[in-house]
Amino acid sequence: MVSFVAGTTAAQMATALNKLTDSTGVYAVTEGDNLRLLSTSYGSEANVALKVVTEGTGGTFGSS
């Protein structure tokens, strides 16, 4: 599980997540203020799952 505190930027999240790529198979890129999670696998193996466990008051987490 990876946690981030309020105010963590997308770039900071990407940096932290990319340090775990070897063990998770997921890497992160930023597109402006957006964070995009991608799989290091290809084809049918290329899946990334994300679960928001909790979000603080006024949070703006969304997915697409």
N, C-alpha and C. Protein backbone atom coordinates (compact mmCIF):
# COMPACT_ATOMS: atom_id res chain seq x y z
N MET A 1 0.84 -1.15 0.00
CA MET A 1 0.00 0.00 0.00
C MET A 1 0.90 1.23 0.00
N VAL A 2 0.49 2.22 -0.77
CA VAL A 2 1.23 3.47 -0.86
C VAL A 2 0.29 4.58 -0.41
N SER A 3 0.76 5.46 0.43
CA SER A 3 -0.06 6.56 0.93
C SER A 3 0.63 7.89 0.64
N PHE A 4 -0.19 8.90 0.41
CA PHE A 4 0.30 10.26 0.19
C PHE A 4 -0.48 11.21 1.06
N VAL A 5 0.18 12.24 1.55
CA VAL A 5 -0.48 13.24 2.39
C VAL A 5 -1.04 14.35 1.52
N ALA A 6 -1.95 15.10 2.07
CA ALA A 6 -2.55 16.24 1.37
C ALA A 6 -1.45 17.17 0.88
N GLY A 7 -1.59 17.65 -0.33
CA GLY A 7 -0.63 18.58 -0.88
C GLY A 7 0.47 17.93 -1.70
N THR A 8 0.51 16.59 -1.72
CA THR A 8 1.51 15.90 -2.53
C THR A 8 1.18 16.13 -4.00
N THR A 9 2.16 16.56 -4.76
CA THR A 9 1.92 16.85 -6.18
C THR A 9 1.94 15.57 -7.01
N ALA A 10 1.41 15.65 -8.20
CA ALA A 10 1.43 14.51 -9.11
C ALA A 10 2.87 14.10 -9.41
N ALA A 11 3.75 15.07 -9.58
CA ALA A 11 5.15 14.77 -9.85
C ALA A 11 5.80 14.03 -8.68
N GLN A 12 5.49 14.43 -7.47
CA GLN A 12 6.04 13.76 -6.29
C GLN A 12 5.50 12.33 -6.19
N MET A 13 4.22 12.14 -6.50
CA MET A 13 3.64 10.80 -6.48
C MET A 13 4.30 9.92 -7.53
N ALA A 14 4.50 10.47 -8.72
CA ALA A 14 5.13 9.70 -9.80
C ALA A 14 6.54 9.27 -9.39
N THR A 15 7.30 10.16 -8.80
CA THR A 15 8.65 9.83 -8.36
C THR A 15 8.62 8.69 -7.35
N ALA A 16 7.73 8.78 -6.38
CA ALA A 16 7.64 7.74 -5.35
C ALA A 16 7.19 6.41 -5.95
N LEU A 17 6.18 6.43 -6.80
CA LEU A 17 5.67 5.20 -7.40
C LEU A 17 6.69 4.56 -8.32
N ASN A 18 7.46 5.36 -9.03
CA ASN A 18 8.45 4.82 -9.95
C ASN A 18 9.62 4.13 -9.23
N LYS A 19 9.81 4.45 -7.97
CA LYS A 19 10.83 3.75 -7.18
C LYS A 19 10.40 2.31 -6.87
N LEU A 20 9.10 2.03 -7.04
CA LEU A 20 8.55 0.70 -6.74
C LEU A 20 8.24 -0.11 -8.00
N THR A 21 8.58 0.40 -9.16
CA THR A 21 8.21 -0.23 -10.43
C THR A 21 8.67 -1.68 -10.51
N ASP A 22 9.87 -1.99 -10.08
CA ASP A 22 10.38 -3.36 -10.17
C ASP A 22 9.50 -4.34 -9.39
N SER A 23 8.95 -3.91 -8.27
CA SER A 23 8.14 -4.82 -7.46
C SER A 23 6.65 -4.75 -7.79
N THR A 24 6.19 -3.64 -8.37
CA THR A 24 4.75 -3.51 -8.65
C THR A 24 4.37 -3.75 -10.11
N GLY A 25 5.31 -3.54 -11.02
CA GLY A 25 4.99 -3.65 -12.44
C GLY A 25 4.22 -2.46 -12.96
N VAL A 26 4.22 -1.38 -12.19
CA VAL A 26 3.49 -0.16 -12.55
C VAL A 26 4.47 1.00 -12.56
N TYR A 27 4.31 1.87 -13.56
CA TYR A 27 5.09 3.11 -13.54
C TYR A 27 4.14 4.28 -13.74
N ALA A 28 4.57 5.44 -13.33
CA ALA A 28 3.72 6.62 -13.35
C ALA A 28 4.34 7.72 -14.20
N VAL A 29 3.49 8.44 -14.90
CA VAL A 29 3.90 9.62 -15.65
C VAL A 29 2.94 10.75 -15.30
N THR A 30 3.41 11.96 -15.45
CA THR A 30 2.53 13.11 -15.21
C THR A 30 2.19 13.75 -16.55
N GLU A 31 0.98 14.23 -16.60
CA GLU A 31 0.48 14.99 -17.75
C GLU A 31 -0.13 16.25 -17.16
N GLY A 32 0.68 17.30 -17.06
CA GLY A 32 0.24 18.50 -16.36
C GLY A 32 0.11 18.17 -14.88
N ASP A 33 -1.06 18.42 -14.31
CA ASP A 33 -1.32 18.11 -12.90
C ASP A 33 -1.91 16.72 -12.73
N ASN A 34 -2.01 15.95 -13.81
CA ASN A 34 -2.61 14.62 -13.76
C ASN A 34 -1.54 13.55 -13.61
N LEU A 35 -1.90 12.49 -12.94
CA LEU A 35 -1.01 11.35 -12.74
C LEU A 35 -1.59 10.18 -13.53
N ARG A 36 -0.77 9.57 -14.33
CA ARG A 36 -1.21 8.43 -15.14
C ARG A 36 -0.40 7.22 -14.74
N LEU A 37 -1.09 6.10 -14.43
CA LEU A 37 -0.43 4.86 -14.03
C LEU A 37 -0.47 3.90 -15.20
N LEU A 38 0.67 3.29 -15.50
CA LEU A 38 0.80 2.40 -16.65
C LEU A 38 1.47 1.10 -16.22
N SER A 39 1.17 0.04 -16.93
CA SER A 39 1.77 -1.26 -16.66
C SER A 39 3.06 -1.43 -17.46
N THR A 40 3.99 -2.16 -16.88
CA THR A 40 5.22 -2.48 -17.61
C THR A 40 5.02 -3.71 -18.50
N SER A 41 3.87 -4.37 -18.36
CA SER A 41 3.55 -5.55 -19.17
C SER A 41 2.88 -5.12 -20.47
N TYR A 42 2.72 -6.08 -21.37
CA TYR A 42 2.13 -5.81 -22.67
C TYR A 42 0.92 -6.71 -22.91
N GLY A 43 0.06 -6.29 -23.81
CA GLY A 43 -1.08 -7.10 -24.21
C GLY A 43 -2.04 -7.37 -23.08
N SER A 44 -2.51 -8.61 -22.99
CA SER A 44 -3.52 -8.95 -21.99
C SER A 44 -2.99 -8.89 -20.57
N GLU A 45 -1.68 -8.85 -20.41
CA GLU A 45 -1.07 -8.76 -19.08
C GLU A 45 -0.99 -7.31 -18.59
N ALA A 46 -1.31 -6.35 -19.43
CA ALA A 46 -1.14 -4.94 -19.11
C ALA A 46 -2.35 -4.38 -18.37
N ASN A 47 -2.39 -4.62 -17.07
CA ASN A 47 -3.47 -4.12 -16.23
C ASN A 47 -2.91 -3.38 -15.03
N VAL A 48 -3.60 -2.32 -14.66
CA VAL A 48 -3.26 -1.57 -13.46
C VAL A 48 -4.54 -1.38 -12.67
N ALA A 49 -4.53 -1.73 -11.40
CA ALA A 49 -5.69 -1.55 -10.53
C ALA A 49 -5.34 -0.54 -9.44
N LEU A 50 -6.30 0.28 -9.11
CA LEU A 50 -6.11 1.31 -8.10
C LEU A 50 -7.33 1.36 -7.22
N LYS A 51 -7.13 1.44 -5.93
CA LYS A 51 -8.24 1.55 -4.99
C LYS A 51 -7.97 2.70 -4.03
N VAL A 52 -8.89 3.63 -3.97
CA VAL A 52 -8.78 4.73 -3.02
C VAL A 52 -9.35 4.22 -1.70
N VAL A 53 -8.50 4.09 -0.70
CA VAL A 53 -8.93 3.57 0.59
C VAL A 53 -9.66 4.65 1.37
N THR A 54 -9.11 5.84 1.37
CA THR A 54 -9.75 6.97 2.05
C THR A 54 -9.26 8.26 1.40
N GLU A 55 -10.13 9.23 1.40
CA GLU A 55 -9.78 10.54 0.84
C GLU A 55 -10.23 11.59 1.82
N GLY A 56 -9.38 12.54 2.09
CA GLY A 56 -9.69 13.58 3.05
C GLY A 56 -10.83 14.48 2.58
N THR A 57 -11.35 15.25 3.50
CA THR A 57 -12.40 16.22 3.21
C THR A 57 -11.94 17.18 2.14
N GLY A 58 -12.78 17.42 1.14
CA GLY A 58 -12.44 18.33 0.08
C GLY A 58 -11.52 17.72 -0.96
N GLY A 59 -11.30 16.41 -0.88
CA GLY A 59 -10.42 15.74 -1.85
C GLY A 59 -10.97 15.83 -3.26
N THR A 60 -10.09 15.77 -4.22
CA THR A 60 -10.49 15.90 -5.62
C THR A 60 -10.02 14.74 -6.45
N PHE A 61 -9.84 13.59 -5.83
CA PHE A 61 -9.35 12.44 -6.58
C PHE A 61 -10.42 11.96 -7.55
N GLY A 62 -10.00 11.71 -8.77
CA GLY A 62 -10.91 11.21 -9.79
C GLY A 62 -10.16 10.25 -10.68
N SER A 63 -10.89 9.51 -11.48
CA SER A 63 -10.24 8.58 -12.39
C SER A 63 -10.92 8.63 -13.74
N SER A 64 -10.19 8.22 -14.75
CA SER A 64 -10.77 8.14 -16.10
C SER A 64 -10.10 7.03 -16.86
